[in-house]
Amino acid sequence: MKKILVAVDIGREGGNDTLMETAKSLAKSADGEIYLLHVIEPVPKRVLLELPQESIARHLSDAEEDMSKMLSQYGYSNGVVREGPPSNEILKYATEINADLIVVHSHDPDLSDYFIGSVAGRVVRRAHCSVHIVREAI
C-alpha cells in the first residue's frame, strides 16, 4: 500500500476540495492510504511577547478541531497538526510515515516567492519521494 501525504491548509480561502479530490484519485489508482497534515507557522518571538498564552494554545486547539472536522468530512482517519516552518514539517512528517508521495497546493507566485521560494518549491527540491503539485486559482 502506498502512503500519500496531503499537506492541507485548513484556513485556505477557497478550501481544499481540489486538493482532496486529486489526492483521493491518486490514492484510488495506487491503492494508497491518505495522511493529512496541516502546519501552523510559528509566531515570531517579538509577537509572542505581546500575545496572551491562551490565544496561542487556542489557535493550536482550533486547528486540531478543524483537522478532526476535515478528516470526518473526507472520510479519512490519519491527520495531524504540527507547528514549525511548513516545508520542514512536511518533509519531516513524510519521512516519519515513509510517504511514497506528497500532494501539496501551489499558488501564483508573488515577489517574496522569487526571493525566498515557495513552500511547494522547497518541498519539491528536498523531498525523498515524488511530489504532486495541485495548481488552482484562488
N, C-alpha and C. Protein backbone atom coordinates (compact mmCIF):
# COMPACT_ATOMS: atom_id res chain seq x y z
N MET A 1 0.85 -1.19 0.00
CA MET A 1 0.00 0.00 0.00
C MET A 1 0.89 1.24 0.00
N LYS A 2 0.54 2.20 -0.79
CA LYS A 2 1.30 3.44 -0.86
C LYS A 2 0.75 4.45 0.13
N LYS A 3 1.68 5.21 0.72
CA LYS A 3 1.31 6.26 1.67
C LYS A 3 1.39 7.60 0.96
N ILE A 4 0.28 8.33 1.02
CA ILE A 4 0.20 9.62 0.36
C ILE A 4 -0.02 10.69 1.42
N LEU A 5 0.96 11.58 1.53
CA LEU A 5 0.87 12.70 2.47
C LEU A 5 0.24 13.87 1.74
N VAL A 6 -0.85 14.39 2.29
CA VAL A 6 -1.53 15.55 1.71
C VAL A 6 -1.36 16.71 2.67
N ALA A 7 -0.61 17.72 2.23
CA ALA A 7 -0.37 18.90 3.05
C ALA A 7 -1.53 19.87 2.81
N VAL A 8 -2.40 19.98 3.81
CA VAL A 8 -3.58 20.84 3.68
C VAL A 8 -3.37 22.15 4.42
N ASP A 9 -4.05 23.16 3.96
CA ASP A 9 -4.09 24.45 4.66
C ASP A 9 -5.53 24.62 5.12
N ILE A 10 -5.75 24.37 6.40
CA ILE A 10 -7.11 24.38 6.95
C ILE A 10 -7.80 25.72 6.71
N GLY A 11 -7.06 26.79 6.80
CA GLY A 11 -7.66 28.12 6.65
C GLY A 11 -7.65 28.63 5.22
N ARG A 12 -7.34 27.79 4.27
CA ARG A 12 -7.22 28.22 2.87
C ARG A 12 -8.53 28.77 2.35
N GLU A 13 -8.46 29.98 1.86
CA GLU A 13 -9.63 30.58 1.24
C GLU A 13 -9.90 29.84 -0.06
N GLY A 14 -11.10 29.41 -0.27
CA GLY A 14 -11.41 28.61 -1.44
C GLY A 14 -11.37 27.13 -1.13
N GLY A 15 -10.91 26.78 0.06
CA GLY A 15 -10.96 25.40 0.51
C GLY A 15 -9.89 24.49 -0.05
N ASN A 16 -10.07 23.23 0.25
CA ASN A 16 -9.12 22.20 -0.14
C ASN A 16 -9.75 21.15 -1.04
N ASP A 17 -10.92 21.44 -1.59
CA ASP A 17 -11.66 20.43 -2.36
C ASP A 17 -10.86 19.87 -3.53
N THR A 18 -10.24 20.73 -4.33
CA THR A 18 -9.49 20.25 -5.48
C THR A 18 -8.30 19.41 -5.03
N LEU A 19 -7.63 19.85 -4.00
CA LEU A 19 -6.50 19.10 -3.44
C LEU A 19 -6.95 17.72 -2.97
N MET A 20 -8.06 17.68 -2.25
CA MET A 20 -8.55 16.42 -1.71
C MET A 20 -9.06 15.49 -2.82
N GLU A 21 -9.71 16.04 -3.83
CA GLU A 21 -10.18 15.23 -4.96
C GLU A 21 -8.99 14.61 -5.70
N THR A 22 -7.94 15.40 -5.88
CA THR A 22 -6.74 14.91 -6.54
C THR A 22 -6.09 13.80 -5.73
N ALA A 23 -5.95 14.01 -4.43
CA ALA A 23 -5.34 13.01 -3.55
C ALA A 23 -6.16 11.72 -3.54
N LYS A 24 -7.48 11.87 -3.49
CA LYS A 24 -8.35 10.69 -3.47
C LYS A 24 -8.19 9.88 -4.76
N SER A 25 -8.12 10.57 -5.88
CA SER A 25 -7.94 9.91 -7.16
C SER A 25 -6.59 9.19 -7.23
N LEU A 26 -5.54 9.84 -6.76
CA LEU A 26 -4.22 9.23 -6.75
C LEU A 26 -4.18 8.01 -5.82
N ALA A 27 -4.81 8.13 -4.67
CA ALA A 27 -4.84 7.03 -3.70
C ALA A 27 -5.61 5.84 -4.27
N LYS A 28 -6.71 6.13 -4.94
CA LYS A 28 -7.53 5.06 -5.51
C LYS A 28 -6.76 4.30 -6.59
N SER A 29 -6.07 5.04 -7.43
CA SER A 29 -5.34 4.39 -8.53
C SER A 29 -4.12 3.62 -8.05
N ALA A 30 -3.59 3.98 -6.87
CA ALA A 30 -2.39 3.31 -6.37
C ALA A 30 -2.68 2.44 -5.15
N ASP A 31 -3.96 2.24 -4.85
CA ASP A 31 -4.35 1.51 -3.65
C ASP A 31 -3.62 2.10 -2.44
N GLY A 32 -3.68 3.41 -2.34
CA GLY A 32 -2.93 4.13 -1.32
C GLY A 32 -3.75 4.56 -0.13
N GLU A 33 -3.03 4.94 0.90
CA GLU A 33 -3.63 5.43 2.14
C GLU A 33 -3.25 6.89 2.30
N ILE A 34 -4.22 7.73 2.66
CA ILE A 34 -4.01 9.17 2.76
C ILE A 34 -3.74 9.60 4.20
N TYR A 35 -2.74 10.44 4.34
CA TYR A 35 -2.38 11.06 5.61
C TYR A 35 -2.45 12.57 5.42
N LEU A 36 -3.25 13.25 6.24
CA LEU A 36 -3.37 14.70 6.14
C LEU A 36 -2.43 15.37 7.13
N LEU A 37 -1.87 16.50 6.73
CA LEU A 37 -1.00 17.30 7.60
C LEU A 37 -1.32 18.76 7.40
N HIS A 38 -1.52 19.45 8.51
CA HIS A 38 -1.65 20.91 8.49
C HIS A 38 -0.52 21.46 9.35
N VAL A 39 0.18 22.45 8.84
CA VAL A 39 1.30 23.04 9.58
C VAL A 39 0.96 24.48 9.94
N ILE A 40 1.12 24.77 11.23
CA ILE A 40 0.94 26.14 11.73
C ILE A 40 2.32 26.79 11.75
N GLU A 41 2.43 27.89 11.05
CA GLU A 41 3.71 28.60 11.06
C GLU A 41 3.96 29.18 12.45
N PRO A 42 5.21 29.11 12.92
CA PRO A 42 5.50 29.65 14.25
C PRO A 42 5.31 31.16 14.28
N VAL A 43 4.85 31.62 15.42
CA VAL A 43 4.68 33.06 15.63
C VAL A 43 6.05 33.64 15.97
N PRO A 44 6.44 34.74 15.31
CA PRO A 44 7.74 35.35 15.63
C PRO A 44 7.85 35.70 17.12
N LYS A 45 9.04 35.54 17.66
CA LYS A 45 9.25 35.75 19.10
C LYS A 45 8.83 37.14 19.55
N ARG A 46 9.06 38.14 18.73
CA ARG A 46 8.70 39.51 19.12
C ARG A 46 7.18 39.65 19.26
N VAL A 47 6.43 38.87 18.49
CA VAL A 47 4.97 38.89 18.56
C VAL A 47 4.49 38.04 19.74
N LEU A 48 5.19 36.93 20.00
CA LEU A 48 4.82 36.04 21.11
C LEU A 48 4.75 36.79 22.43
N LEU A 49 5.65 37.74 22.61
CA LEU A 49 5.69 38.51 23.85
C LEU A 49 4.43 39.33 24.07
N GLU A 50 3.77 39.69 22.98
CA GLU A 50 2.59 40.54 23.05
C GLU A 50 1.28 39.77 23.13
N LEU A 51 1.33 38.48 22.81
CA LEU A 51 0.11 37.68 22.77
C LEU A 51 -0.12 36.94 24.08
N PRO A 52 -1.36 36.88 24.51
CA PRO A 52 -1.67 36.05 25.68
C PRO A 52 -1.44 34.57 25.35
N GLN A 53 -0.89 33.82 26.27
CA GLN A 53 -0.61 32.40 26.05
C GLN A 53 -1.88 31.62 25.70
N GLU A 54 -3.02 32.05 26.24
CA GLU A 54 -4.27 31.35 25.96
C GLU A 54 -4.61 31.41 24.47
N SER A 55 -4.30 32.55 23.84
CA SER A 55 -4.65 32.68 22.42
C SER A 55 -3.79 31.76 21.56
N ILE A 56 -2.55 31.55 21.96
CA ILE A 56 -1.67 30.65 21.22
C ILE A 56 -2.15 29.21 21.36
N ALA A 57 -2.47 28.82 22.59
CA ALA A 57 -2.97 27.47 22.85
C ALA A 57 -4.31 27.26 22.13
N ARG A 58 -5.15 28.29 22.13
CA ARG A 58 -6.45 28.19 21.46
C ARG A 58 -6.28 28.02 19.96
N HIS A 59 -5.29 28.71 19.40
CA HIS A 59 -5.03 28.61 17.96
C HIS A 59 -4.68 27.16 17.59
N LEU A 60 -3.86 26.52 18.39
CA LEU A 60 -3.49 25.13 18.14
C LEU A 60 -4.69 24.20 18.31
N SER A 61 -5.45 24.39 19.38
CA SER A 61 -6.61 23.52 19.61
C SER A 61 -7.68 23.72 18.53
N ASP A 62 -7.84 24.97 18.05
CA ASP A 62 -8.78 25.23 16.95
C ASP A 62 -8.33 24.51 15.68
N ALA A 63 -7.03 24.52 15.41
CA ALA A 63 -6.51 23.84 14.22
C ALA A 63 -6.72 22.33 14.33
N GLU A 64 -6.51 21.79 15.52
CA GLU A 64 -6.72 20.35 15.71
C GLU A 64 -8.19 19.98 15.56
N GLU A 65 -9.07 20.86 16.04
CA GLU A 65 -10.51 20.63 15.88
C GLU A 65 -10.90 20.70 14.40
N ASP A 66 -10.35 21.68 13.68
CA ASP A 66 -10.61 21.81 12.24
C ASP A 66 -10.09 20.59 11.48
N MET A 67 -8.93 20.07 11.91
CA MET A 67 -8.39 18.87 11.26
C MET A 67 -9.33 17.69 11.49
N SER A 68 -9.85 17.58 12.69
CA SER A 68 -10.78 16.50 13.00
C SER A 68 -12.02 16.58 12.11
N LYS A 69 -12.53 17.79 11.92
CA LYS A 69 -13.69 18.00 11.04
C LYS A 69 -13.36 17.63 9.60
N MET A 70 -12.15 18.01 9.16
CA MET A 70 -11.75 17.71 7.79
C MET A 70 -11.62 16.19 7.59
N LEU A 71 -11.05 15.50 8.57
CA LEU A 71 -10.94 14.04 8.48
C LEU A 71 -12.33 13.42 8.35
N SER A 72 -13.25 13.91 9.15
CA SER A 72 -14.62 13.40 9.12
C SER A 72 -15.29 13.73 7.78
N GLN A 73 -15.11 14.95 7.31
CA GLN A 73 -15.73 15.40 6.06
C GLN A 73 -15.30 14.54 4.88
N TYR A 74 -14.00 14.22 4.83
CA TYR A 74 -13.49 13.47 3.68
C TYR A 74 -13.37 11.97 3.93
N GLY A 75 -13.67 11.53 5.15
CA GLY A 75 -13.68 10.10 5.46
C GLY A 75 -12.32 9.48 5.67
N TYR A 76 -11.38 10.26 6.20
CA TYR A 76 -10.03 9.74 6.47
C TYR A 76 -9.81 9.63 7.97
N SER A 77 -8.81 8.83 8.34
CA SER A 77 -8.54 8.63 9.77
C SER A 77 -7.18 9.14 10.21
N ASN A 78 -6.29 9.43 9.26
CA ASN A 78 -4.94 9.86 9.61
C ASN A 78 -4.77 11.35 9.35
N GLY A 79 -4.57 12.12 10.40
CA GLY A 79 -4.36 13.55 10.23
C GLY A 79 -3.70 14.14 11.45
N VAL A 80 -2.74 15.03 11.22
CA VAL A 80 -2.04 15.68 12.33
C VAL A 80 -1.88 17.16 12.06
N VAL A 81 -1.68 17.89 13.14
CA VAL A 81 -1.36 19.32 13.08
C VAL A 81 0.02 19.46 13.71
N ARG A 82 0.90 20.15 13.02
CA ARG A 82 2.25 20.40 13.52
C ARG A 82 2.51 21.90 13.50
N GLU A 83 3.49 22.30 14.28
CA GLU A 83 3.89 23.70 14.29
C GLU A 83 5.34 23.78 13.88
N GLY A 84 5.65 24.71 12.98
CA GLY A 84 7.02 24.91 12.53
C GLY A 84 7.02 25.47 11.12
N PRO A 85 8.21 25.59 10.55
CA PRO A 85 8.29 26.04 9.15
C PRO A 85 7.60 25.00 8.26
N PRO A 86 6.62 25.41 7.45
CA PRO A 86 5.81 24.45 6.70
C PRO A 86 6.60 23.43 5.87
N SER A 87 7.54 23.87 5.07
CA SER A 87 8.25 22.91 4.22
C SER A 87 9.04 21.91 5.07
N ASN A 88 9.67 22.38 6.13
CA ASN A 88 10.42 21.47 7.01
C ASN A 88 9.51 20.43 7.64
N GLU A 89 8.36 20.86 8.13
CA GLU A 89 7.44 19.94 8.79
C GLU A 89 6.83 18.95 7.82
N ILE A 90 6.53 19.40 6.60
CA ILE A 90 6.00 18.49 5.58
C ILE A 90 7.03 17.41 5.28
N LEU A 91 8.27 17.81 5.08
CA LEU A 91 9.32 16.85 4.76
C LEU A 91 9.62 15.92 5.93
N LYS A 92 9.60 16.45 7.12
CA LYS A 92 9.86 15.63 8.31
C LYS A 92 8.76 14.58 8.48
N TYR A 93 7.50 14.99 8.35
CA TYR A 93 6.39 14.05 8.51
C TYR A 93 6.39 13.01 7.38
N ALA A 94 6.73 13.44 6.17
CA ALA A 94 6.81 12.50 5.05
C ALA A 94 7.85 11.41 5.33
N THR A 95 8.96 11.80 5.94
CA THR A 95 9.99 10.83 6.29
C THR A 95 9.49 9.92 7.41
N GLU A 96 8.83 10.49 8.42
CA GLU A 96 8.33 9.71 9.56
C GLU A 96 7.37 8.61 9.12
N ILE A 97 6.49 8.94 8.19
CA ILE A 97 5.49 7.94 7.76
C ILE A 97 5.97 7.14 6.55
N ASN A 98 7.17 7.48 6.08
CA ASN A 98 7.72 6.83 4.89
C ASN A 98 6.78 6.99 3.69
N ALA A 99 6.40 8.23 3.44
CA ALA A 99 5.46 8.55 2.36
C ALA A 99 6.05 8.20 0.99
N ASP A 100 5.20 7.72 0.12
CA ASP A 100 5.58 7.44 -1.26
C ASP A 100 5.29 8.62 -2.16
N LEU A 101 4.42 9.52 -1.69
CA LEU A 101 4.01 10.67 -2.49
C LEU A 101 3.56 11.78 -1.56
N ILE A 102 3.90 13.01 -1.91
CA ILE A 102 3.41 14.20 -1.20
C ILE A 102 2.54 14.98 -2.18
N VAL A 103 1.35 15.34 -1.73
CA VAL A 103 0.45 16.16 -2.55
C VAL A 103 0.31 17.50 -1.84
N VAL A 104 0.56 18.57 -2.57
CA VAL A 104 0.57 19.90 -1.96
C VAL A 104 -0.01 20.93 -2.94
N HIS A 105 -0.62 21.98 -2.36
CA HIS A 105 -1.13 23.11 -3.15
C HIS A 105 0.05 23.95 -3.64
N SER A 106 -0.19 24.65 -4.69
CA SER A 106 0.70 25.71 -5.11
C SER A 106 -0.17 26.92 -5.41
N HIS A 107 0.45 28.02 -5.61
CA HIS A 107 -0.30 29.25 -5.88
C HIS A 107 0.49 30.08 -6.88
N ASP A 108 -0.14 31.13 -7.37
CA ASP A 108 0.58 32.04 -8.26
C ASP A 108 1.63 32.76 -7.43
N PRO A 109 2.88 32.76 -7.89
CA PRO A 109 3.95 33.35 -7.09
C PRO A 109 3.81 34.86 -6.95
N ASP A 110 4.25 35.34 -5.79
CA ASP A 110 4.34 36.78 -5.60
C ASP A 110 5.82 37.12 -5.47
N LEU A 111 6.12 38.37 -5.22
CA LEU A 111 7.51 38.82 -5.20
C LEU A 111 8.35 38.07 -4.17
N SER A 112 7.79 37.78 -2.99
CA SER A 112 8.58 37.10 -1.95
C SER A 112 8.98 35.69 -2.39
N ASP A 113 8.15 35.04 -3.21
CA ASP A 113 8.49 33.69 -3.69
C ASP A 113 9.75 33.70 -4.55
N TYR A 114 9.98 34.80 -5.27
CA TYR A 114 11.15 34.86 -6.11
C TYR A 114 12.43 35.01 -5.28
N PHE A 115 12.31 35.58 -4.10
CA PHE A 115 13.49 35.77 -3.25
C PHE A 115 13.70 34.63 -2.26
N ILE A 116 12.63 34.15 -1.64
CA ILE A 116 12.80 33.10 -0.63
C ILE A 116 12.20 31.77 -1.05
N GLY A 117 11.46 31.73 -2.12
CA GLY A 117 10.88 30.49 -2.61
C GLY A 117 9.56 30.16 -1.94
N SER A 118 8.79 29.31 -2.58
CA SER A 118 7.50 28.90 -2.04
C SER A 118 7.66 27.61 -1.25
N VAL A 119 6.67 27.31 -0.42
CA VAL A 119 6.66 26.06 0.33
C VAL A 119 6.70 24.89 -0.65
N ALA A 120 5.85 24.92 -1.66
CA ALA A 120 5.80 23.83 -2.64
C ALA A 120 7.16 23.66 -3.33
N GLY A 121 7.79 24.76 -3.66
CA GLY A 121 9.10 24.70 -4.31
C GLY A 121 10.15 24.06 -3.43
N ARG A 122 10.16 24.43 -2.16
CA ARG A 122 11.13 23.83 -1.22
C ARG A 122 10.85 22.35 -1.02
N VAL A 123 9.58 21.97 -0.96
CA VAL A 123 9.23 20.56 -0.80
C VAL A 123 9.71 19.77 -2.02
N VAL A 124 9.45 20.28 -3.21
CA VAL A 124 9.86 19.60 -4.44
C VAL A 124 11.37 19.40 -4.46
N ARG A 125 12.12 20.43 -4.11
CA ARG A 125 13.58 20.34 -4.18
C ARG A 125 14.18 19.39 -3.16
N ARG A 126 13.52 19.20 -2.00
CA ARG A 126 14.15 18.44 -0.92
C ARG A 126 13.46 17.12 -0.58
N ALA A 127 12.37 16.79 -1.22
CA ALA A 127 11.61 15.58 -0.86
C ALA A 127 12.36 14.31 -1.23
N HIS A 128 12.17 13.28 -0.41
CA HIS A 128 12.76 11.96 -0.66
C HIS A 128 11.87 11.12 -1.59
N CYS A 129 10.69 11.64 -1.89
CA CYS A 129 9.74 10.89 -2.70
C CYS A 129 9.15 11.83 -3.76
N SER A 130 8.28 11.31 -4.56
CA SER A 130 7.61 12.12 -5.59
C SER A 130 6.69 13.14 -4.95
N VAL A 131 6.51 14.26 -5.65
CA VAL A 131 5.63 15.33 -5.18
C VAL A 131 4.67 15.68 -6.30
N HIS A 132 3.39 15.74 -5.96
CA HIS A 132 2.35 16.12 -6.92
C HIS A 132 1.86 17.51 -6.52
N ILE A 133 1.99 18.47 -7.41
CA ILE A 133 1.58 19.84 -7.15
C ILE A 133 0.19 20.06 -7.73
N VAL A 134 -0.72 20.58 -6.93
CA VAL A 134 -2.08 20.88 -7.36
C VAL A 134 -2.18 22.40 -7.51
N ARG A 135 -2.36 22.84 -8.74
CA ARG A 135 -2.50 24.27 -9.02
C ARG A 135 -3.97 24.58 -9.20
N GLU A 136 -4.39 25.63 -8.57
CA GLU A 136 -5.76 26.09 -8.79
C GLU A 136 -5.83 27.58 -8.51
N ALA A 137 -6.73 28.23 -9.16
CA ALA A 137 -6.91 29.66 -8.94
C ALA A 137 -7.52 29.86 -7.56
N ILE A 138 -7.06 30.88 -6.89
CA ILE A 138 -7.61 31.20 -5.57
C ILE A 138 -8.62 32.30 -5.70
